């Protein structure tokens, strides 16, 4: 995490490793919105996986049972 206190140090560290510095900043409210969006996306994907599993099971033909042999 980069803060105002360590900004120059981190830029120097990145420059020494790759020579390319790109900074992406987000506000606390923006981070909250991003987290909520990701949580909603995860929920949607789980719901879709459950629907797909249901239909795969419903559409898979059952194997006929072998008659039991009694001796």
PDB file of N, CA and C in Angstrom:
ATOM      1  N   UNK A   1       0.844  -1.158   0.000  1.00  0.00           N
ATOM      2  CA  UNK A   1       0.000   0.000   0.000  1.00  0.00           C
ATOM      3  C   UNK A   1       0.897   1.230   0.000  1.00  0.00           C
ATOM      4  N   UNK A   2       0.537   2.178  -0.807  1.00  0.00           N
ATOM      5  CA  UNK A   2       1.304   3.412  -0.903  1.00  0.00           C
ATOM      6  C   UNK A   2       0.538   4.520  -0.203  1.00  0.00           C
ATOM      7  N   UNK A   3       1.244   5.219   0.677  1.00  0.00           N
ATOM      8  CA  UNK A   3       0.656   6.344   1.397  1.00  0.00           C
ATOM      9  C   UNK A   3       1.469   7.600   1.083  1.00  0.00           C
ATOM     10  N   UNK A   4       1.012   8.739   1.557  1.00  0.00           N
ATOM     11  CA  UNK A   4       1.754   9.986   1.356  1.00  0.00           C
ATOM     12  C   UNK A   4       3.152   9.887   1.967  1.00  0.00           C
ATOM     13  N   UNK A   5       3.267   9.174   3.082  1.00  0.00           N
ATOM     14  CA  UNK A   5       4.539   9.072   3.786  1.00  0.00           C
ATOM     15  C   UNK A   5       5.570   8.235   3.028  1.00  0.00           C
ATOM     16  N   UNK A   6       5.148   7.210   2.307  1.00  0.00           N
ATOM     17  CA  UNK A   6       6.110   6.333   1.641  1.00  0.00           C
ATOM     18  C   UNK A   6       6.064   6.439   0.113  1.00  0.00           C
ATOM     19  N   UNK A   7       5.416   7.440  -0.427  1.00  0.00           N
ATOM     20  CA  UNK A   7       5.253   7.577  -1.874  1.00  0.00           C
ATOM     21  C   UNK A   7       6.597   7.631  -2.593  1.00  0.00           C
ATOM     22  N   UNK A   8       7.504   8.530  -2.168  1.00  0.00           N
ATOM     23  CA  UNK A   8       8.797   8.672  -2.846  1.00  0.00           C
ATOM     24  C   UNK A   8       9.617   7.384  -2.768  1.00  0.00           C
ATOM     25  N   UNK A   9       9.587   6.744  -1.617  1.00  0.00           N
ATOM     26  CA  UNK A   9      10.326   5.488  -1.436  1.00  0.00           C
ATOM     27  C   UNK A   9       9.798   4.404  -2.377  1.00  0.00           C
ATOM     28  N   UNK A  10       8.483   4.274  -2.478  1.00  0.00           N
ATOM     29  CA  UNK A  10       7.885   3.252  -3.336  1.00  0.00           C
ATOM     30  C   UNK A  10       8.148   3.532  -4.810  1.00  0.00           C
ATOM     31  N   UNK A  11       8.110   4.800  -5.213  1.00  0.00           N
ATOM     32  CA  UNK A  11       8.394   5.145  -6.608  1.00  0.00           C
ATOM     33  C   UNK A  11       9.838   4.789  -6.935  1.00  0.00           C
ATOM     34  N   UNK A  12      10.774   5.091  -6.033  1.00  0.00           N
ATOM     35  CA  UNK A  12      12.175   4.735  -6.248  1.00  0.00           C
ATOM     36  C   UNK A  12      12.347   3.221  -6.323  1.00  0.00           C
ATOM     37  N   UNK A  13      11.644   2.492  -5.464  1.00  0.00           N
ATOM     38  CA  UNK A  13      11.711   1.022  -5.461  1.00  0.00           C
ATOM     39  C   UNK A  13      11.197   0.451  -6.782  1.00  0.00           C
ATOM     40  N   UNK A  14      10.079   0.963  -7.247  1.00  0.00           N
ATOM     41  CA  UNK A  14       9.507   0.478  -8.502  1.00  0.00           C
ATOM     42  C   UNK A  14      10.413   0.830  -9.680  1.00  0.00           C
ATOM     43  N   UNK A  15      10.946   2.036  -9.684  1.00  0.00           N
ATOM     44  CA  UNK A  15      11.863   2.457 -10.752  1.00  0.00           C
ATOM     45  C   UNK A  15      13.096   1.576 -10.809  1.00  0.00           C
ATOM     46  N   UNK A  16      13.622   1.159  -9.653  1.00  0.00           N
ATOM     47  CA  UNK A  16      14.815   0.322  -9.635  1.00  0.00           C
ATOM     48  C   UNK A  16      14.530  -1.089 -10.140  1.00  0.00           C
ATOM     49  N   UNK A  17      13.289  -1.550  -9.988  1.00  0.00           N
ATOM     50  CA  UNK A  17      12.940  -2.903 -10.420  1.00  0.00           C
ATOM     51  C   UNK A  17      12.515  -2.963 -11.880  1.00  0.00           C
ATOM     52  N   UNK A  18      11.629  -2.062 -12.295  1.00  0.00           N
ATOM     53  CA  UNK A  18      11.068  -2.155 -13.646  1.00  0.00           C
ATOM     54  C   UNK A  18      11.302  -0.921 -14.494  1.00  0.00           C
ATOM     55  N   UNK A  19      11.489   0.214 -13.868  1.00  0.00           N
ATOM     56  CA  UNK A  19      11.674   1.443 -14.630  1.00  0.00           C
ATOM     57  C   UNK A  19      10.369   2.059 -15.084  1.00  0.00           C
ATOM     58  N   UNK A  20       9.252   1.423 -14.814  1.00  0.00           N
ATOM     59  CA  UNK A  20       7.940   1.932 -15.199  1.00  0.00           C
ATOM     60  C   UNK A  20       7.073   2.112 -13.961  1.00  0.00           C
ATOM     61  N   UNK A  21       6.529   3.310 -13.824  1.00  0.00           N
ATOM     62  CA  UNK A  21       5.679   3.576 -12.669  1.00  0.00           C
ATOM     63  C   UNK A  21       4.289   3.942 -13.167  1.00  0.00           C
ATOM     64  N   UNK A  22       3.310   3.245 -12.658  1.00  0.00           N
ATOM     65  CA  UNK A  22       1.911   3.556 -12.921  1.00  0.00           C
ATOM     66  C   UNK A  22       1.216   3.566 -11.566  1.00  0.00           C
ATOM     67  N   UNK A  23       0.477   4.613 -11.302  1.00  0.00           N
ATOM     68  CA  UNK A  23      -0.226   4.702 -10.028  1.00  0.00           C
ATOM     69  C   UNK A  23      -1.716   4.791 -10.303  1.00  0.00           C
ATOM     70  N   UNK A  24      -2.451   3.946  -9.627  1.00  0.00           N
ATOM     71  CA  UNK A  24      -3.905   3.932  -9.722  1.00  0.00           C
ATOM     72  C   UNK A  24      -4.427   4.243  -8.329  1.00  0.00           C
ATOM     73  N   UNK A  25      -5.216   5.277  -8.211  1.00  0.00           N
ATOM     74  CA  UNK A  25      -5.720   5.671  -6.893  1.00  0.00           C
ATOM     75  C   UNK A  25      -7.227   5.482  -6.836  1.00  0.00           C
ATOM     76  N   UNK A  26      -7.702   5.211  -5.622  1.00  0.00           N
ATOM     77  CA  UNK A  26      -9.137   5.030  -5.422  1.00  0.00           C
ATOM     78  C   UNK A  26      -9.504   5.621  -4.052  1.00  0.00           C
ATOM     79  N   UNK A  27     -10.635   6.258  -3.991  1.00  0.00           N
ATOM     80  CA  UNK A  27     -11.091   6.840  -2.727  1.00  0.00           C
ATOM     81  C   UNK A  27     -11.668   5.740  -1.847  1.00  0.00           C
ATOM     82  N   UNK A  28     -11.790   5.995  -0.557  1.00  0.00           N
ATOM     83  CA  UNK A  28     -12.417   4.980   0.308  1.00  0.00           C
ATOM     84  C   UNK A  28     -13.824   4.608  -0.162  1.00  0.00           C
ATOM     85  N   UNK A  29     -14.611   5.588  -0.584  1.00  0.00           N
ATOM     86  CA  UNK A  29     -15.962   5.287  -1.080  1.00  0.00           C
ATOM     87  C   UNK A  29     -15.877   4.470  -2.370  1.00  0.00           C
ATOM     88  N   UNK A  30     -14.924   4.820  -3.228  1.00  0.00           N
ATOM     89  CA  UNK A  30     -14.729   4.054  -4.455  1.00  0.00           C
ATOM     90  C   UNK A  30     -14.336   2.617  -4.164  1.00  0.00           C
ATOM     91  N   UNK A  31     -13.480   2.428  -3.162  1.00  0.00           N
ATOM     92  CA  UNK A  31     -13.082   1.079  -2.764  1.00  0.00           C
ATOM     93  C   UNK A  31     -14.281   0.304  -2.237  1.00  0.00           C
ATOM     94  N   UNK A  32     -15.109   0.970  -1.454  1.00  0.00           N
ATOM     95  CA  UNK A  32     -16.313   0.323  -0.930  1.00  0.00           C
ATOM     96  C   UNK A  32     -17.226  -0.111  -2.078  1.00  0.00           C
ATOM     97  N   UNK A  33     -17.420   0.769  -3.045  1.00  0.00           N
ATOM     98  CA  UNK A  33     -18.257   0.435  -4.204  1.00  0.00           C
ATOM     99  C   UNK A  33     -17.661  -0.711  -5.007  1.00  0.00           C
ATOM    100  N   UNK A  34     -16.341  -0.715  -5.160  1.00  0.00           N
ATOM    101  CA  UNK A  34     -15.667  -1.799  -5.877  1.00  0.00           C
ATOM    102  C   UNK A  34     -15.862  -3.124  -5.150  1.00  0.00           C
ATOM    103  N   UNK A  35     -15.703  -3.117  -3.833  1.00  0.00           N
ATOM    104  CA  UNK A  35     -15.876  -4.334  -3.033  1.00  0.00           C
ATOM    105  C   UNK A  35     -17.308  -4.853  -3.125  1.00  0.00           C
ATOM    106  N   UNK A  36     -18.274  -3.939  -3.055  1.00  0.00           N
ATOM    107  CA  UNK A  36     -19.675  -4.359  -3.169  1.00  0.00           C
ATOM    108  C   UNK A  36     -19.967  -4.929  -4.549  1.00  0.00           C
ATOM    109  N   UNK A  37     -19.411  -4.315  -5.571  1.00  0.00           N
ATOM    110  CA  UNK A  37     -19.609  -4.807  -6.936  1.00  0.00           C
ATOM    111  C   UNK A  37     -19.022  -6.196  -7.129  1.00  0.00           C
ATOM    112  N   UNK A  38     -17.836  -6.415  -6.578  1.00  0.00           N
ATOM    113  CA  UNK A  38     -17.199  -7.731  -6.682  1.00  0.00           C
ATOM    114  C   UNK A  38     -18.006  -8.772  -5.911  1.00  0.00           C
ATOM    115  N   UNK A  39     -18.505  -8.403  -4.737  1.00  0.00           N
ATOM    116  CA  UNK A  39     -19.332  -9.331  -3.956  1.00  0.00           C
ATOM    117  C   UNK A  39     -20.603  -9.702  -4.720  1.00  0.00           C
ATOM    118  N   UNK A  40     -21.215  -8.730  -5.362  1.00  0.00           N
ATOM    119  CA  UNK A  40     -22.425  -8.991  -6.153  1.00  0.00           C
ATOM    120  C   UNK A  40     -22.103  -9.896  -7.345  1.00  0.00           C
ATOM    121  N   UNK A  41     -20.963  -9.660  -7.972  1.00  0.00           N
ATOM    122  CA  UNK A  41     -20.543 -10.498  -9.096  1.00  0.00           C
ATOM    123  C   UNK A  41     -20.306 -11.938  -8.643  1.00  0.00           C
ATOM    124  N   UNK A  42     -19.651 -12.112  -7.503  1.00  0.00           N
ATOM    125  CA  UNK A  42     -19.418 -13.460  -6.975  1.00  0.00           C
ATOM    126  C   UNK A  42     -20.734 -14.167  -6.671  1.00  0.00           C
ATOM    127  N   UNK A  43     -21.691 -13.439  -6.081  1.00  0.00           N
ATOM    128  CA  UNK A  43     -22.996 -14.011  -5.777  1.00  0.00           C
ATOM    129  C   UNK A  43     -23.688 -14.456  -7.055  1.00  0.00           C
ATOM    130  N   UNK A  44     -23.629 -13.620  -8.088  1.00  0.00           N
ATOM    131  CA  UNK A  44     -24.258 -13.941  -9.365  1.00  0.00           C
ATOM    132  C   UNK A  44     -23.622 -15.185  -9.986  1.00  0.00           C
ATOM    133  N   UNK A  45     -22.307 -15.264  -9.956  1.00  0.00           N
ATOM    134  CA  UNK A  45     -21.618 -16.433 -10.534  1.00  0.00           C
ATOM    135  C   UNK A  45     -22.009 -17.699  -9.774  1.00  0.00           C
ATOM    136  N   UNK A  46     -22.065 -17.635  -8.442  1.00  0.00           N
ATOM    137  CA  UNK A  46     -22.479 -18.807  -7.653  1.00  0.00           C
ATOM    138  C   UNK A  46     -23.908 -19.222  -7.999  1.00  0.00           C
ATOM    139  N   UNK A  47     -24.800 -18.250  -8.141  1.00  0.00           N
ATOM    140  CA  UNK A  47     -26.182 -18.553  -8.522  1.00  0.00           C
ATOM    141  C   UNK A  47     -26.233 -19.243  -9.879  1.00  0.00           C
ATOM    142  N   UNK A  48     -25.461 -18.738 -10.823  1.00  0.00           N
ATOM    143  CA  UNK A  48     -25.448 -19.332 -12.161  1.00  0.00           C
ATOM    144  C   UNK A  48     -24.880 -20.749 -12.121  1.00  0.00           C
ATOM    145  N   UNK A  49     -23.846 -20.962 -11.318  1.00  0.00           N
ATOM    146  CA  UNK A  49     -23.276 -22.306 -11.187  1.00  0.00           C
ATOM    147  C   UNK A  49     -24.300 -23.276 -10.605  1.00  0.00           C
ATOM    148  N   UNK A  50     -25.087 -22.818  -9.640  1.00  0.00           N
ATOM    149  CA  UNK A  50     -26.119 -23.669  -9.044  1.00  0.00           C
ATOM    150  C   UNK A  50     -27.196 -24.007 -10.066  1.00  0.00           C
ATOM    151  N   UNK A  51     -27.579 -23.036 -10.876  1.00  0.00           N
ATOM    152  CA  UNK A  51     -28.589 -23.281 -11.922  1.00  0.00           C
ATOM    153  C   UNK A  51     -28.060 -24.274 -12.938  1.00  0.00           C
ATOM    154  N   UNK A  52     -26.815 -24.103 -13.367  1.00  0.00           N
ATOM    155  CA  UNK A  52     -26.214 -25.012 -14.347  1.00  0.00           C
ATOM    156  C   UNK A  52     -26.141 -26.427 -13.773  1.00  0.00           C
ATOM    157  N   UNK A  53     -25.712 -26.556 -12.525  1.00  0.00           N
ATOM    158  CA  UNK A  53     -25.627 -27.880 -11.894  1.00  0.00           C
ATOM    159  C   UNK A  53     -27.003 -28.530 -11.812  1.00  0.00           C
ATOM    160  N   UNK A  54     -28.024 -27.755 -11.489  1.00  0.00           N
ATOM    161  CA  UNK A  54     -29.378 -28.291 -11.415  1.00  0.00           C
ATOM    162  C   UNK A  54     -29.811 -28.852 -12.765  1.00  0.00           C
ATOM    163  N   UNK A  55     -29.617 -28.073 -13.833  1.00  0.00           N
ATOM    164  CA  UNK A  55     -30.052 -28.531 -15.149  1.00  0.00           C
ATOM    165  C   UNK A  55     -29.204 -29.687 -15.663  1.00  0.00           C
ATOM    166  N   UNK A  56     -27.915 -29.701 -15.346  1.00  0.00           N
ATOM    167  CA  UNK A  56     -27.088 -30.840 -15.751  1.00  0.00           C
ATOM    168  C   UNK A  56     -27.592 -32.112 -15.098  1.00  0.00           C
ATOM    169  N   UNK A  57     -27.940 -32.029 -13.828  1.00  0.00           N
ATOM    170  CA  UNK A  57     -28.444 -33.199 -13.121  1.00  0.00           C
ATOM    171  C   UNK A  57     -29.825 -33.597 -13.648  1.00  0.00           C
ATOM    172  N   UNK A  58     -30.676 -32.609 -13.912  1.00  0.00           N
ATOM    173  CA  UNK A  58     -32.030 -32.892 -14.376  1.00  0.00           C
ATOM    174  C   UNK A  58     -32.032 -33.505 -15.773  1.00  0.00           C
ATOM    175  N   UNK A  59     -31.071 -33.132 -16.597  1.00  0.00           N
ATOM    176  CA  UNK A  59     -31.058 -33.598 -17.981  1.00  0.00           C
ATOM    177  C   UNK A  59     -30.204 -34.838 -18.202  1.00  0.00           C
ATOM    178  N   UNK A  60     -29.483 -35.273 -17.182  1.00  0.00           N
ATOM    179  CA  UNK A  60     -28.677 -36.479 -17.313  1.00  0.00           C
ATOM    180  C   UNK A  60     -29.590 -37.686 -17.160  1.00  0.00           C
ATOM    181  N   UNK A  61     -29.610 -38.551 -18.172  1.00  0.00           N
ATOM    182  CA  UNK A  61     -30.496 -39.723 -18.072  1.00  0.00           C
ATOM    183  C   UNK A  61     -30.027 -40.660 -16.964  1.00  0.00           C
ATOM    184  N   UNK A  62     -31.002 -41.202 -16.270  1.00  0.00           N
ATOM    185  CA  UNK A  62     -30.684 -42.154 -15.215  1.00  0.00           C
ATOM    186  C   UNK A  62     -30.374 -43.502 -15.841  1.00  0.00           C
ATOM    187  N   UNK A  63     -29.419 -44.193 -15.256  1.00  0.00           N
ATOM    188  CA  UNK A  63     -29.058 -45.516 -15.752  1.00  0.00           C
ATOM    189  C   UNK A  63     -30.083 -46.511 -15.218  1.00  0.00           C
ATOM    190  N   UNK A  64     -30.547 -47.423 -16.085  1.00  0.00           N
ATOM    191  CA  UNK A  64     -31.513 -48.422 -15.598  1.00  0.00           C
ATOM    192  C   UNK A  64     -30.861 -49.306 -14.538  1.00  0.00           C
ATOM    193  N   UNK A  65     -31.643 -49.633 -13.512  1.00  0.00           N
ATOM    194  CA  UNK A  65     -31.121 -50.470 -12.445  1.00  0.00           C
ATOM    195  C   UNK A  65     -31.161 -51.927 -12.875  1.00  0.00           C
ATOM    196  N   UNK A  66     -30.132 -52.641 -12.464  1.00  0.00           N
ATOM    197  CA  UNK A  66     -30.078 -54.066 -12.750  1.00  0.00           C
ATOM    198  C   UNK A  66     -31.050 -54.778 -11.813  1.00  0.00           C
ATOM    199  N   UNK A  67     -31.803 -55.741 -12.338  1.00  0.00           N
ATOM    200  CA  UNK A  67     -32.697 -56.488 -11.445  1.00  0.00           C
ATOM    201  C   UNK A  67     -31.861 -57.285 -10.441  1.00  0.00           C
ATOM    202  N   UNK A  68     -32.334 -57.335  -9.216  1.00  0.00           N
ATOM    203  CA  UNK A  68     -31.594 -58.067  -8.187  1.00  0.00           C
ATOM    204  C   UNK A  68     -31.797 -59.559  -8.385  1.00  0.00           C
ATOM    205  N   UNK A  69     -30.723 -60.287  -8.256  1.00  0.00           N
ATOM    206  CA  UNK A  69     -30.774 -61.747  -8.405  1.00  0.00           C
ATOM    207  C   UNK A  69     -30.813 -62.356  -7.013  1.00  0.00           C
ATOM    208  N   UNK A  70     -31.849 -63.149  -6.774  1.00  0.00           N
ATOM    209  CA  UNK A  70     -31.949 -63.843  -5.476  1.00  0.00           C
ATOM    210  C   UNK A  70     -31.648 -65.293  -5.683  1.00  0.00           C
ATOM    211  N   UNK A  71     -30.955 -65.845  -4.729  1.00  0.00           N
ATOM    212  CA  UNK A  71     -30.579 -67.262  -4.854  1.00  0.00           C
ATOM    213  C   UNK A  71     -31.318 -68.145  -3.917  1.00  0.00           C
TER     214      UNK A  71
END
